[in-house]
PDB file of N, CA and C in Angstrom:
ATOM      1  N   MET A   1      -7.036   0.591  -2.681  1.00  0.00           N
ATOM      2  CA  MET A   1      -8.373   1.132  -2.630  1.00  0.00           C
ATOM      3  C   MET A   1      -8.280   2.622  -2.303  1.00  0.00           C
ATOM      4  N   SER A   2      -9.352   3.316  -2.595  1.00  0.00           N
ATOM      5  CA  SER A   2      -9.343   4.746  -2.315  1.00  0.00           C
ATOM      6  C   SER A   2     -10.762   5.289  -2.237  1.00  0.00           C
ATOM      7  N   LEU A   3     -10.842   6.539  -1.908  1.00  0.00           N
ATOM      8  CA  LEU A   3     -12.133   7.196  -1.726  1.00  0.00           C
ATOM      9  C   LEU A   3     -12.958   7.178  -3.009  1.00  0.00           C
ATOM     10  N   ASP A   4     -12.307   7.240  -4.174  1.00  0.00           N
ATOM     11  CA  ASP A   4     -13.096   7.275  -5.408  1.00  0.00           C
ATOM     12  C   ASP A   4     -13.733   5.939  -5.759  1.00  0.00           C
ATOM     13  N   GLN A   5     -13.347   4.875  -5.110  1.00  0.00           N
ATOM     14  CA  GLN A   5     -13.989   3.574  -5.320  1.00  0.00           C
ATOM     15  C   GLN A   5     -15.056   3.427  -4.228  1.00  0.00           C
ATOM     16  N   THR A   6     -16.187   4.069  -4.458  1.00  0.00           N
ATOM     17  CA  THR A   6     -17.185   4.225  -3.405  1.00  0.00           C
ATOM     18  C   THR A   6     -17.887   2.922  -3.014  1.00  0.00           C
ATOM     19  N   ASN A   7     -17.849   1.905  -3.855  1.00  0.00           N
ATOM     20  CA  ASN A   7     -18.529   0.647  -3.540  1.00  0.00           C
ATOM     21  C   ASN A   7     -17.587  -0.435  -3.034  1.00  0.00           C
ATOM     22  N   VAL A   8     -16.393  -0.047  -2.595  1.00  0.00           N
ATOM     23  CA  VAL A   8     -15.390  -1.012  -2.146  1.00  0.00           C
ATOM     24  C   VAL A   8     -15.001  -0.698  -0.708  1.00  0.00           C
ATOM     25  N   VAL A   9     -14.924  -1.733   0.132  1.00  0.00           N
ATOM     26  CA  VAL A   9     -14.402  -1.566   1.485  1.00  0.00           C
ATOM     27  C   VAL A   9     -12.885  -1.622   1.366  1.00  0.00           C
ATOM     28  N   ASP A  10     -12.224  -0.542   1.792  1.00  0.00           N
ATOM     29  CA  ASP A  10     -10.780  -0.423   1.606  1.00  0.00           C
ATOM     30  C   ASP A  10      -9.998  -1.416   2.457  1.00  0.00           C
ATOM     31  N   ALA A  11     -10.363  -1.554   3.726  1.00  0.00           N
ATOM     32  CA  ALA A  11      -9.664  -2.484   4.613  1.00  0.00           C
ATOM     33  C   ALA A  11     -10.591  -2.870   5.755  1.00  0.00           C
ATOM     34  N   ILE A  12     -10.400  -4.087   6.266  1.00  0.00           N
ATOM     35  CA  ILE A  12     -11.208  -4.595   7.366  1.00  0.00           C
ATOM     36  C   ILE A  12     -10.314  -5.411   8.281  1.00  0.00           C
ATOM     37  N   GLY A  13     -10.511  -5.254   9.566  1.00  0.00           N
ATOM     38  CA  GLY A  13      -9.719  -6.012  10.521  1.00  0.00           C
ATOM     39  C   GLY A  13     -10.239  -5.815  11.928  1.00  0.00           C
ATOM     40  N   VAL A  14      -9.575  -6.459  12.875  1.00  0.00           N
ATOM     41  CA  VAL A  14      -9.957  -6.369  14.277  1.00  0.00           C
ATOM     42  C   VAL A  14      -8.854  -5.656  15.041  1.00  0.00           C
ATOM     43  N   ASP A  15      -9.246  -4.679  15.843  1.00  0.00           N
ATOM     44  CA  ASP A  15      -8.300  -3.974  16.707  1.00  0.00           C
ATOM     45  C   ASP A  15      -8.011  -4.882  17.900  1.00  0.00           C
ATOM     46  N   ASP A  16      -6.762  -5.311  18.043  1.00  0.00           N
ATOM     47  CA  ASP A  16      -6.390  -6.221  19.124  1.00  0.00           C
ATOM     48  C   ASP A  16      -6.644  -5.622  20.500  1.00  0.00           C
ATOM     49  N   ALA A  17      -6.491  -4.314  20.635  1.00  0.00           N
ATOM     50  CA  ALA A  17      -6.633  -3.668  21.942  1.00  0.00           C
ATOM     51  C   ALA A  17      -8.100  -3.561  22.379  1.00  0.00           C
ATOM     52  N   THR A  18      -8.999  -3.257  21.429  1.00  0.00           N
ATOM     53  CA  THR A  18     -10.398  -3.011  21.790  1.00  0.00           C
ATOM     54  C   THR A  18     -11.329  -4.153  21.403  1.00  0.00           C
ATOM     55  N   GLY A  19     -10.907  -4.982  20.466  1.00  0.00           N
ATOM     56  CA  GLY A  19     -11.766  -6.036  19.953  1.00  0.00           C
ATOM     57  C   GLY A  19     -12.764  -5.556  18.921  1.00  0.00           C
ATOM     58  N   GLU A  20     -12.713  -4.267  18.608  1.00  0.00           N
ATOM     59  CA  GLU A  20     -13.638  -3.709  17.620  1.00  0.00           C
ATOM     60  C   GLU A  20     -13.283  -4.179  16.213  1.00  0.00           C
ATOM     61  N   LEU A  21     -14.310  -4.314  15.397  1.00  0.00           N
ATOM     62  CA  LEU A  21     -14.104  -4.533  13.979  1.00  0.00           C
ATOM     63  C   LEU A  21     -13.887  -3.165  13.355  1.00  0.00           C
ATOM     64  N   VAL A  22     -12.772  -2.991  12.669  1.00  0.00           N
ATOM     65  CA  VAL A  22     -12.426  -1.693  12.096  1.00  0.00           C
ATOM     66  C   VAL A  22     -12.547  -1.777  10.578  1.00  0.00           C
ATOM     67  N   LEU A  23     -13.402  -0.909  10.037  1.00  0.00           N
ATOM     68  CA  LEU A  23     -13.543  -0.761   8.591  1.00  0.00           C
ATOM     69  C   LEU A  23     -12.865   0.552   8.229  1.00  0.00           C
ATOM     70  N   THR A  24     -11.831   0.480   7.417  1.00  0.00           N
ATOM     71  CA  THR A  24     -11.024   1.663   7.118  1.00  0.00           C
ATOM     72  C   THR A  24     -11.366   2.234   5.748  1.00  0.00           C
ATOM     73  N   ILE A  25     -11.508   3.551   5.717  1.00  0.00           N
ATOM     74  CA  ILE A  25     -11.650   4.304   4.469  1.00  0.00           C
ATOM     75  C   ILE A  25     -10.359   5.094   4.298  1.00  0.00           C
ATOM     76  N   THR A  26      -9.735   4.964   3.144  1.00  0.00           N
ATOM     77  CA  THR A  26      -8.529   5.741   2.873  1.00  0.00           C
ATOM     78  C   THR A  26      -8.903   6.937   1.999  1.00  0.00           C
ATOM     79  N   ASP A  27      -8.626   8.115   2.520  1.00  0.00           N
ATOM     80  CA  ASP A  27      -8.970   9.358   1.837  1.00  0.00           C
ATOM     81  C   ASP A  27      -7.679  10.082   1.451  1.00  0.00           C
ATOM     82  N   HIS A  28      -7.365  10.027   0.171  1.00  0.00           N
ATOM     83  CA  HIS A  28      -6.119  10.604  -0.347  1.00  0.00           C
ATOM     84  C   HIS A  28      -6.316  11.984  -0.977  1.00  0.00           C
ATOM     85  N   LEU A  29      -7.531  12.498  -0.949  1.00  0.00           N
ATOM     86  CA  LEU A  29      -7.841  13.744  -1.642  1.00  0.00           C
ATOM     87  C   LEU A  29      -7.600  14.969  -0.762  1.00  0.00           C
ATOM     88  N   GLU A  30      -7.199  16.066  -1.398  1.00  0.00           N
ATOM     89  CA  GLU A  30      -7.005  17.335  -0.689  1.00  0.00           C
ATOM     90  C   GLU A  30      -8.350  18.007  -0.455  1.00  0.00           C
ATOM     91  N   TRP A  31      -8.383  18.892   0.524  1.00  0.00           N
ATOM     92  CA  TRP A  31      -9.603  19.629   0.843  1.00  0.00           C
ATOM     93  C   TRP A  31      -9.561  21.060   0.318  1.00  0.00           C
ATOM     94  N   THR A  32      -8.597  21.368  -0.529  1.00  0.00           N
ATOM     95  CA  THR A  32      -8.460  22.743  -1.009  1.00  0.00           C
ATOM     96  C   THR A  32      -9.147  22.979  -2.345  1.00  0.00           C
ATOM     97  N   VAL A  33      -9.415  21.932  -3.099  1.00  0.00           N
ATOM     98  CA  VAL A  33     -10.086  22.076  -4.395  1.00  0.00           C
ATOM     99  C   VAL A  33     -11.227  21.061  -4.480  1.00  0.00           C
ATOM    100  N   ARG A  34     -12.264  21.430  -5.200  1.00  0.00           N
ATOM    101  CA  ARG A  34     -13.405  20.534  -5.434  1.00  0.00           C
ATOM    102  C   ARG A  34     -13.939  19.912  -4.144  1.00  0.00           C
ATOM    103  N   VAL A  35     -14.154  20.758  -3.150  1.00  0.00           N
ATOM    104  CA  VAL A  35     -14.603  20.305  -1.836  1.00  0.00           C
ATOM    105  C   VAL A  35     -15.964  19.608  -1.916  1.00  0.00           C
ATOM    106  N   ASP A  36     -16.877  20.151  -2.713  1.00  0.00           N
ATOM    107  CA  ASP A  36     -18.198  19.539  -2.845  1.00  0.00           C
ATOM    108  C   ASP A  36     -18.091  18.117  -3.395  1.00  0.00           C
ATOM    109  N   GLU A  37     -17.244  17.930  -4.395  1.00  0.00           N
ATOM    110  CA  GLU A  37     -17.051  16.604  -4.974  1.00  0.00           C
ATOM    111  C   GLU A  37     -16.431  15.653  -3.945  1.00  0.00           C
ATOM    112  N   HIS A  38     -15.488  16.153  -3.179  1.00  0.00           N
ATOM    113  CA  HIS A  38     -14.835  15.363  -2.136  1.00  0.00           C
ATOM    114  C   HIS A  38     -15.868  14.909  -1.097  1.00  0.00           C
ATOM    115  N   LEU A  39     -16.701  15.834  -0.639  1.00  0.00           N
ATOM    116  CA  LEU A  39     -17.731  15.492   0.336  1.00  0.00           C
ATOM    117  C   LEU A  39     -18.726  14.482  -0.219  1.00  0.00           C
ATOM    118  N   LEU A  40     -19.083  14.624  -1.490  1.00  0.00           N
ATOM    119  CA  LEU A  40     -20.009  13.686  -2.113  1.00  0.00           C
ATOM    120  C   LEU A  40     -19.408  12.280  -2.171  1.00  0.00           C
ATOM    121  N   LEU A  41     -18.133  12.185  -2.557  1.00  0.00           N
ATOM    122  CA  LEU A  41     -17.466  10.884  -2.585  1.00  0.00           C
ATOM    123  C   LEU A  41     -17.414  10.263  -1.194  1.00  0.00           C
ATOM    124  N   LEU A  42     -17.090  11.065  -0.210  1.00  0.00           N
ATOM    125  CA  LEU A  42     -17.025  10.583   1.162  1.00  0.00           C
ATOM    126  C   LEU A  42     -18.400  10.110   1.634  1.00  0.00           C
ATOM    127  N   GLN A  43     -19.422  10.864   1.311  1.00  0.00           N
ATOM    128  CA  GLN A  43     -20.781  10.483   1.682  1.00  0.00           C
ATOM    129  C   GLN A  43     -21.167   9.151   1.037  1.00  0.00           C
ATOM    130  N   GLU A  44     -20.865   8.985  -0.246  1.00  0.00           N
ATOM    131  CA  GLU A  44     -21.192   7.742  -0.948  1.00  0.00           C
ATOM    132  C   GLU A  44     -20.417   6.563  -0.364  1.00  0.00           C
ATOM    133  N   LYS A  45     -19.166   6.784  -0.037  1.00  0.00           N
ATOM    134  CA  LYS A  45     -18.338   5.725   0.543  1.00  0.00           C
ATOM    135  C   LYS A  45     -18.906   5.311   1.902  1.00  0.00           C
ATOM    136  N   LEU A  46     -19.274   6.281   2.720  1.00  0.00           N
ATOM    137  CA  LEU A  46     -19.850   5.971   4.022  1.00  0.00           C
ATOM    138  C   LEU A  46     -21.167   5.211   3.887  1.00  0.00           C
ATOM    139  N   LYS A  47     -21.989   5.591   2.927  1.00  0.00           N
ATOM    140  CA  LYS A  47     -23.240   4.865   2.684  1.00  0.00           C
ATOM    141  C   LYS A  47     -22.956   3.407   2.327  1.00  0.00           C
ATOM    142  N   SER A  48     -21.944   3.183   1.513  1.00  0.00           N
ATOM    143  CA  SER A  48     -21.572   1.812   1.138  1.00  0.00           C
ATOM    144  C   SER A  48     -21.136   1.009   2.356  1.00  0.00           C
ATOM    145  N   TYR A  49     -20.369   1.637   3.235  1.00  0.00           N
ATOM    146  CA  TYR A  49     -19.911   0.955   4.447  1.00  0.00           C
ATOM    147  C   TYR A  49     -21.096   0.618   5.348  1.00  0.00           C
ATOM    148  N   LEU A  50     -22.021   1.550   5.487  1.00  0.00           N
ATOM    149  CA  LEU A  50     -23.198   1.285   6.322  1.00  0.00           C
ATOM    150  C   LEU A  50     -24.041   0.155   5.731  1.00  0.00           C
ATOM    151  N   ARG A  51     -24.200   0.136   4.424  1.00  0.00           N
ATOM    152  CA  ARG A  51     -24.936  -0.966   3.770  1.00  0.00           C
ATOM    153  C   ARG A  51     -24.215  -2.284   4.014  1.00  0.00           C
ATOM    154  N   PHE A  52     -22.892  -2.271   3.931  1.00  0.00           N
ATOM    155  CA  PHE A  52     -22.072  -3.459   4.142  1.00  0.00           C
ATOM    156  C   PHE A  52     -22.332  -4.045   5.528  1.00  0.00           C
ATOM    157  N   VAL A  53     -22.439  -3.185   6.522  1.00  0.00           N
ATOM    158  CA  VAL A  53     -22.680  -3.634   7.897  1.00  0.00           C
ATOM    159  C   VAL A  53     -24.137  -4.051   8.083  1.00  0.00           C
ATOM    160  N   GLU A  54     -25.051  -3.170   7.715  1.00  0.00           N
ATOM    161  CA  GLU A  54     -26.461  -3.383   8.015  1.00  0.00           C
ATOM    162  C   GLU A  54     -27.102  -4.498   7.199  1.00  0.00           C
ATOM    163  N   SER A  55     -26.576  -4.787   6.012  1.00  0.00           N
ATOM    164  CA  SER A  55     -27.151  -5.839   5.167  1.00  0.00           C
ATOM    165  C   SER A  55     -26.742  -7.240   5.610  1.00  0.00           C
ATOM    166  N   GLY A  56     -25.736  -7.327   6.469  1.00  0.00           N
ATOM    167  CA  GLY A  56     -25.221  -8.634   6.877  1.00  0.00           C
ATOM    168  C   GLY A  56     -24.088  -9.125   6.005  1.00  0.00           C
ATOM    169  N   GLU A  57     -23.785  -8.385   4.938  1.00  0.00           N
ATOM    170  CA  GLU A  57     -22.688  -8.780   4.057  1.00  0.00           C
ATOM    171  C   GLU A  57     -21.371  -8.840   4.832  1.00  0.00           C
ATOM    172  N   MET A  58     -21.213  -7.973   5.803  1.00  0.00           N
ATOM    173  CA  MET A  58     -19.987  -7.948   6.607  1.00  0.00           C
ATOM    174  C   MET A  58     -19.747  -9.316   7.253  1.00  0.00           C
ATOM    175  N   LEU A  59     -20.803  -9.931   7.787  1.00  0.00           N
ATOM    176  CA  LEU A  59     -20.665 -11.231   8.443  1.00  0.00           C
ATOM    177  C   LEU A  59     -20.376 -12.341   7.447  1.00  0.00           C
ATOM    178  N   GLU A  60     -20.884 -12.203   6.228  1.00  0.00           N
ATOM    179  CA  GLU A  60     -20.588 -13.190   5.191  1.00  0.00           C
ATOM    180  C   GLU A  60     -19.123 -13.124   4.789  1.00  0.00           C
ATOM    181  N   VAL A  61     -18.628 -11.908   4.626  1.00  0.00           N
ATOM    182  CA  VAL A  61     -17.249 -11.693   4.185  1.00  0.00           C
ATOM    183  C   VAL A  61     -16.253 -11.911   5.323  1.00  0.00           C
ATOM    184  N   TYR A  62     -16.650 -11.513   6.521  1.00  0.00           N
ATOM    185  CA  TYR A  62     -15.740 -11.538   7.672  1.00  0.00           C
ATOM    186  C   TYR A  62     -16.488 -12.112   8.872  1.00  0.00           C
ATOM    187  N   PRO A  63     -16.636 -13.443   8.945  1.00  0.00           N
ATOM    188  CA  PRO A  63     -17.414 -14.069  10.022  1.00  0.00           C
ATOM    189  C   PRO A  63     -16.922 -13.722  11.429  1.00  0.00           C
ATOM    190  N   ASP A  64     -15.645 -13.378  11.568  1.00  0.00           N
ATOM    191  CA  ASP A  64     -15.092 -13.021  12.871  1.00  0.00           C
ATOM    192  C   ASP A  64     -15.697 -11.722  13.412  1.00  0.00           C
ATOM    193  N   ALA A  65     -16.483 -11.032  12.597  1.00  0.00           N
ATOM    194  CA  ALA A  65     -17.103  -9.773  13.018  1.00  0.00           C
ATOM    195  C   ALA A  65     -18.277 -10.000  13.960  1.00  0.00           C
ATOM    196  N   LYS A  66     -18.775 -11.209  14.017  1.00  0.00           N
ATOM    197  CA  LYS A  66     -19.972 -11.486  14.817  1.00  0.00           C
ATOM    198  C   LYS A  66     -19.769 -11.070  16.271  1.00  0.00           C
ATOM    199  N   GLY A  67     -20.707 -10.253  16.755  1.00  0.00           N
ATOM    200  CA  GLY A  67     -20.692  -9.811  18.139  1.00  0.00           C
ATOM    201  C   GLY A  67     -19.729  -8.679  18.452  1.00  0.00           C
ATOM    202  N   ARG A  68     -19.034  -8.178  17.460  1.00  0.00           N
ATOM    203  CA  ARG A  68     -18.060  -7.109  17.693  1.00  0.00           C
ATOM    204  C   ARG A  68     -18.671  -5.733  17.429  1.00  0.00           C
ATOM    205  N   ALA A  69     -18.216  -4.761  18.193  1.00  0.00           N
ATOM    206  CA  ALA A  69     -18.565  -3.374  17.908  1.00  0.00           C
ATOM    207  C   ALA A  69     -17.876  -2.983  16.603  1.00  0.00           C
ATOM    208  N   VAL A  70     -18.485  -2.065  15.859  1.00  0.00           N
ATOM    209  CA  VAL A  70     -17.947  -1.657  14.564  1.00  0.00           C
ATOM    210  C   VAL A  70     -17.484  -0.200  14.628  1.00  0.00           C
ATOM    211  N   LEU A  71     -16.294   0.020  14.093  1.00  0.00           N
ATOM    212  CA  LEU A  71     -15.719   1.360  13.983  1.00  0.00           C
ATOM    213  C   LEU A  71     -15.373   1.613  12.522  1.00  0.00           C
ATOM    214  N   ILE A  72     -15.875   2.713  11.972  1.00  0.00           N
ATOM    215  CA  ILE A  72     -15.450   3.153  10.643  1.00  0.00           C
ATOM    216  C   ILE A  72     -14.365   4.190  10.875  1.00  0.00           C
ATOM    217  N   ASP A  73     -13.191   3.907  10.366  1.00  0.00           N
ATOM    218  CA  ASP A  73     -11.994   4.724  10.581  1.00  0.00           C
ATOM    219  C   ASP A  73     -11.593   5.365   9.255  1.00  0.00           C
ATOM    220  N   VAL A  74     -11.794   6.679   9.148  1.00  0.00           N
ATOM    221  CA  VAL A  74     -11.421   7.404   7.933  1.00  0.00           C
ATOM    222  C   VAL A  74     -10.010   7.936   8.132  1.00  0.00           C
ATOM    223  N   VAL A  75      -9.083   7.424   7.333  1.00  0.00           N
ATOM    224  CA  VAL A  75      -7.679   7.830   7.438  1.00  0.00           C
ATOM    225  C   VAL A  75      -7.395   8.800   6.290  1.00  0.00           C
ATOM    226  N   CYS A  76      -7.090  10.043   6.655  1.00  0.00           N
ATOM    227  CA  CYS A  76      -6.931  11.125   5.683  1.00  0.00           C
ATOM    228  C   CYS A  76      -5.454  11.435   5.435  1.00  0.00           C
ATOM    229  N   LYS A  77      -5.141  11.709   4.192  1.00  0.00           N
ATOM    230  CA  LYS A  77      -3.791  12.147   3.845  1.00  0.00           C
ATOM    231  C   LYS A  77      -3.607  13.628   4.178  1.00  0.00           C
ATOM    232  N   TYR A  78      -4.700  14.394   4.059  1.00  0.00           N
ATOM    233  CA  TYR A  78      -4.649  15.840   4.288  1.00  0.00           C
ATOM    234  C   TYR A  78      -5.609  16.221   5.406  1.00  0.00           C
ATOM    235  N   PRO A  79      -5.270  17.257   6.181  1.00  0.00           N
ATOM    236  CA  PRO A  79      -6.170  17.701   7.252  1.00  0.00           C
ATOM    237  C   PRO A  79      -7.513  18.138   6.673  1.00  0.00           C
ATOM    238  N   PRO A  80      -8.609  17.795   7.343  1.00  0.00           N
ATOM    239  CA  PRO A  80      -9.918  18.188   6.830  1.00  0.00           C
ATOM    240  C   PRO A  80     -10.146  19.694   6.974  1.00  0.00           C
ATOM    241  N   SER A  81     -10.908  20.220   6.050  1.00  0.00           N
ATOM    242  CA  SER A  81     -11.309  21.627   6.126  1.00  0.00           C
ATOM    243  C   SER A  81     -12.326  21.780   7.256  1.00  0.00           C
ATOM    244  N   GLN A  82     -12.683  23.016   7.552  1.00  0.00           N
ATOM    245  CA  GLN A  82     -13.690  23.279   8.580  1.00  0.00           C
ATOM    246  C   GLN A  82     -15.028  22.650   8.176  1.00  0.00           C
ATOM    247  N   LEU A  83     -15.360  22.745   6.908  1.00  0.00           N
ATOM    248  CA  LEU A  83     -16.587  22.147   6.400  1.00  0.00           C
ATOM    249  C   LEU A  83     -16.554  20.628   6.569  1.00  0.00           C
ATOM    250  N   ALA A  84     -15.421  20.028   6.255  1.00  0.00           N
ATOM    251  CA  ALA A  84     -15.282  18.575   6.390  1.00  0.00           C
ATOM    252  C   ALA A  84     -15.378  18.145   7.849  1.00  0.00           C
ATOM    253  N   SER A  85     -14.770  18.895   8.744  1.00  0.00           N
ATOM    254  CA  SER A  85     -14.849  18.562  10.175  1.00  0.00           C
ATOM    255  C   SER A  85     -16.297  18.591  10.655  1.00  0.00           C
ATOM    256  N   GLY A  86     -17.044  19.585  10.198  1.00  0.00           N
ATOM    257  CA  GLY A  86     -18.464  19.662  10.534  1.00  0.00           C
ATOM    258  C   GLY A  86     -19.227  18.469   9.987  1.00  0.00           C
ATOM    259  N   PHE A  87     -18.900  18.074   8.769  1.00  0.00           N
ATOM    260  CA  PHE A  87     -19.524  16.910   8.147  1.00  0.00           C
ATOM    261  C   PHE A  87     -19.242  15.657   8.977  1.00  0.00           C
ATOM    262  N   TYR A  88     -17.976  15.445   9.347  1.00  0.00           N
ATOM    263  CA  TYR A  88     -17.611  14.272  10.154  1.00  0.00           C
ATOM    264  C   TYR A  88     -18.382  14.253  11.472  1.00  0.00           C
ATOM    265  N   ASN A  89     -18.477  15.394  12.138  1.00  0.00           N
ATOM    266  CA  ASN A  89     -19.179  15.456  13.414  1.00  0.00           C
ATOM    267  C   ASN A  89     -20.662  15.116  13.258  1.00  0.00           C
ATOM    268  N   GLN A  90     -21.258  15.620  12.212  1.00  0.00           N
ATOM    269  CA  GLN A  90     -22.676  15.368  11.955  1.00  0.00           C
ATOM    270  C   GLN A  90     -22.912  13.888  11.642  1.00  0.00           C
ATOM    271  N   VAL A  91     -22.085  13.318  10.786  1.00  0.00           N
ATOM    272  CA  VAL A  91     -22.237  11.912  10.402  1.00  0.00           C
ATOM    273  C   VAL A  91     -21.968  10.996  11.591  1.00  0.00           C
ATOM    274  N   ALA A  92     -21.000  11.345  12.434  1.00  0.00           N
ATOM    275  CA  ALA A  92     -20.688  10.522  13.606  1.00  0.00           C
ATOM    276  C   ALA A  92     -21.916  10.376  14.502  1.00  0.00           C
ATOM    277  N   LYS A  93     -22.673  11.441  14.664  1.00  0.00           N
ATOM    278  CA  LYS A  93     -23.883  11.387  15.486  1.00  0.00           C
ATOM    279  C   LYS A  93     -24.924  10.452  14.858  1.00  0.00           C
ATOM    280  N   ILE A  94     -25.039  10.513  13.542  1.00  0.00           N
ATOM    281  CA  ILE A  94     -26.031   9.689  12.839  1.00  0.00           C
ATOM    282  C   ILE A  94     -25.663   8.211  12.932  1.00  0.00           C
ATOM    283  N   VAL A  95     -24.425   7.864  12.620  1.00  0.00           N
ATOM    284  CA  VAL A  95     -24.040   6.446  12.629  1.00  0.00           C
ATOM    285  C   VAL A  95     -23.983   5.897  14.053  1.00  0.00           C
ATOM    286  N   ASP A  96     -23.730   6.769  15.019  1.00  0.00           N
ATOM    287  CA  ASP A  96     -23.745   6.334  16.410  1.00  0.00           C
ATOM    288  C   ASP A  96     -25.135   5.811  16.779  1.00  0.00           C
ATOM    289  N   GLY A  97     -26.151   6.414  16.211  1.00  0.00           N
ATOM    290  CA  GLY A  97     -27.522   5.958  16.437  1.00  0.00           C
ATOM    291  C   GLY A  97     -27.758   4.553  15.902  1.00  0.00           C
ATOM    292  N   ALA A  98     -26.937   4.131  14.947  1.00  0.00           N
ATOM    293  CA  ALA A  98     -27.023   2.782  14.393  1.00  0.00           C
ATOM    294  C   ALA A  98     -26.067   1.828  15.108  1.00  0.00           C
ATOM    295  N   GLY A  99     -25.417   2.321  16.173  1.00  0.00           N
ATOM    296  CA  GLY A  99     -24.500   1.470  16.926  1.00  0.00           C
ATOM    297  C   GLY A  99     -23.129   1.335  16.303  1.00  0.00           C
ATOM    298  N   ILE A 100     -22.780   2.253  15.420  1.00  0.00           N
ATOM    299  CA  ILE A 100     -21.491   2.221  14.733  1.00  0.00           C
ATOM    300  C   ILE A 100     -20.727   3.489  15.094  1.00  0.00           C
ATOM    301  N   LYS A 101     -19.446   3.337  15.399  1.00  0.00           N
ATOM    302  CA  LYS A 101     -18.628   4.509  15.706  1.00  0.00           C
ATOM    303  C   LYS A 101     -17.928   4.971  14.431  1.00  0.00           C
ATOM    304  N   LEU A 102     -17.673   6.271  14.371  1.00  0.00           N
ATOM    305  CA  LEU A 102     -16.954   6.867  13.245  1.00  0.00           C
ATOM    306  C   LEU A 102     -15.850   7.750  13.805  1.00  0.00           C
ATOM    307  N   GLN A 103     -14.670   7.577  13.239  1.00  0.00           N
ATOM    308  CA  GLN A 103     -13.584   8.488  13.587  1.00  0.00           C
ATOM    309  C   GLN A 103     -12.859   8.866  12.306  1.00  0.00           C
ATOM    310  N   HIS A 104     -12.220  10.030  12.341  1.00  0.00           N
ATOM    311  CA  HIS A 104     -11.360  10.438  11.236  1.00  0.00           C
ATOM    312  C   HIS A 104     -10.048  10.897  11.831  1.00  0.00           C
ATOM    313  N   ARG A 105      -8.994  10.649  11.086  1.00  0.00           N
ATOM    314  CA  ARG A 105      -7.663  10.997  11.584  1.00  0.00           C
ATOM    315  C   ARG A 105      -6.718  11.172  10.410  1.00  0.00           C
ATOM    316  N   LEU A 106      -5.628  11.866  10.673  1.00  0.00           N
ATOM    317  CA  LEU A 106      -4.581  12.021   9.665  1.00  0.00           C
ATOM    318  C   LEU A 106      -3.705  10.783   9.644  1.00  0.00           C
ATOM    319  N   PHE A 107      -3.282  10.411   8.461  1.00  0.00           N
ATOM    320  CA  PHE A 107      -2.365   9.285   8.322  1.00  0.00           C
ATOM    321  C   PHE A 107      -1.042   9.627   9.010  1.00  0.00           C
ATOM    322  N   SER A 108      -0.527   8.669   9.724  1.00  0.00           N
ATOM    323  CA  SER A 108       0.771   8.828  10.364  1.00  0.00           C
ATOM    324  C   SER A 108       1.607   7.605  10.032  1.00  0.00           C
ATOM    325  N   ALA A 109       2.817   7.816   9.561  1.00  0.00           N
ATOM    326  CA  ALA A 109       3.694   6.712   9.198  1.00  0.00           C
ATOM    327  C   ALA A 109       4.302   6.043  10.430  1.00  0.00           C
ATOM    328  N   ASP A 110       4.070   6.618  11.614  1.00  0.00           N
ATOM    329  CA  ASP A 110       4.634   6.038  12.847  1.00  0.00           C
ATOM    330  C   ASP A 110       3.977   4.745  13.226  1.00  0.00           C
TER     331      ASP A 110
END
């Protein structure tokens, strides 16, 4: 799965340490070219994830999610640009209002 498949949840699981349900977005795109297109894809992907949670589809697909806090984890291949970091911060505040956490991080093979 990847960022360009905006209507697909890339990965879903439970964090053993926190008990949170983690929905992962894999972002393989660079931030040096076509930044507007990259942001649009990311926005569409995030909207799909929010619909997945808020519509109840998440519980149908993954019944173990019931009663768990939800974290959307964006795993990036490349460091985000300044514009992207601002976007992440803004979106995190919005989804937090819906009771969902958002984080972004660089992929680490460790």
